[in-house]
C-alpha cells in the first residue's frame, strides 16, 4: 500500500499538493458510497441496451447504436436525486432494490480516455458487466478495456449467441473462456437459451457480497493512491526536465549576455565619451566668456584703486572683496547656459541609449531630472515639493560658481619704500613725484595681473568641475538604466532545487515499487 501521508509530504515539497488533494477527495467519495455501483459497458453494437432492459425487466431504451452525444444511462431502484451528467431512470424492481444497487449503461468513451486510461467516473463503479458480441468476440479494444478495468470486479457477458449455429457457438464460448482466463477475470456469463427473468438472477448473483465489496473498494482506493503517485512522479520528472532545459537555456543566455555585456559596455563608454565631447564644447564657450570679461574686470578694479588714491591698506582689504563679487557675478551669469546645455546633452544621451537598445526607458521624473542637472552653490538646498520627485536625484552640488572653490591670490607688496627716500635728503620732492608715478603704474600692472590670474583660476575651476559633473551625470544615467533590467537568476538555487526534485523523485519511485 502506498504511504499516502508521505506521498502528500512529497507532493507538498514538489509544489503539486493539488494531485494528492484530488486523490484524497476521490478516496473519500469511494469510501462513503452507500450503493453498489454496477456498470454495463462494452464495444459498439454488442447489445448493452438489450442486456440492461433484460435484467431490469423494463424497456429503458430502444436497442440500437448509441450516438456519441447521448448521455450515459443511470438506473436506480428507488426514488433518488437526479444527476445532471446522466439520463436518469427510476425502476420499481423489488429484487434489484434489495441488492441496494445502481445500474449504469456506459459507452467505452464514457469511461476510458483516448489513451486507454480510466476516467474518474469509474469511481462510481464496484462491478463492471463487460458485454461482448458473439459475432466478433474480444476485439483488441475489448481486451485493452478489460485490462484497464482490472482494479474493479469485471464480469464478461457473452451476448448475441442466438446469431450463431451450434458448432460456432461452442467454439466462440471456448475462445471466450480462454481469453478471460488470460486476462485474469472469471469465465464469461453466456446468454444462450436463457429467459431474461432467469438471466436477471444470474446477474444479481454476480454482484459482490458486502465483504467482497469492501475488499474491492480498498483495492480501488489503493489504485487511486497509485495513480496519484504515478502522476506525481511524472510531474516531478517534468519539473526536472524543465529545470534541465532552463539550465541549458540559462547557460546559453549567460554566454550571449556576456558578449552582449561587453558590447553594451563599449556602447556606454562611447556614449559617455560623446557626452564629454559636448561638455568640452560648452567649456570652450565658458572660457571665452571668462576671457572676454577679463579686461572689464581689471579696468573696474583699477578704477576703484585709483579712486582710493592707491591707498595700500584699502587695496589690500577691498580689492579681494571686489574681485570675489565680480567672480561670483561672472559664474552666476553662466549658470543658466551651463544648465541648459547640460540638460540637452543628458536628454540626448538618454535618447541614444534607448535607440541603441541599452534600455527600454528611464525612471526619472521631470523633477528628478531638474534636480540632477541643477548647478547650485555648496550647501544650497533646492526648494521643491517632495511629491514631485522620487528620492534624492542630485549627484553633485556646486560646480565652482561660489567663491572658495578657486584660488583668490594675495595682493603683492609694493617695491617702493618711502622711508628710504626721505632719509637720503637728496632731491626728495622730485623723487617722491617720480615714485608716485611709478607706484601707480606698478599697481595698475599688479591689479591687471591679479584679475587675469583669478579669472584664469575661475575658468579652470569651472572647467574641471563641470567636466567632472558631466562624467558623473553620464555614469548616473547608465546606473539608472541598468537598475531597470531584470535581476540575474540564482544558479546555485536552481541547482539546489534540481537536487531536491531528484531526491523527491527517488522516494516517490520507492513508494510505487513497494506496492508491486
Foldseek 3Di string as FASTA:
>chain_A
DFPLVVVCVLCVLVVNNVLSVVLVVLLVVLVPDDAAEEEEEEAWPLCSQVLVCLLQVHNPDDDDTDDPPAAKEKEDADDDDDDPRHNYYHGPDVVVVVNRHMYIYDYPVRAAPPVGAGDSVCSRHAEYAYGGELVDGDDVVRLSNLLNVVLHQYAYAYDPLVVDDPVSSVVSQVVQQVSCVVSVHHRHHYPDPDRSNRVSVVVSVPGDDPVVSVVSSVSVSVVSSLVSLVVSLVVLVVVLVVLVVVVVVLVVVVVVVVVVVVVLVVVLVVLLVVLLVLLVVLLVVLLVLLVVCLVVLLVVLLVVCVVVVVDPVCNQPPSLVSLQVVLLVSLVVCQVVLLVSLLVSLVVSQVVCCVVVVFVHFPWFPVLSCQQSHAADVPDDDDDDPVRGDPRNHDDYHQLSHPPLFDQDGQDDDPDDLVVLVVVVPPSVVVVVVVSVVVSVVNSVRSSVSSVVRSVRSSVSNSVRSSVSSSVSSVSSSVRRVVPDDDRDDPVVSVVSSVSSVVSSVVSVVSSVVVD
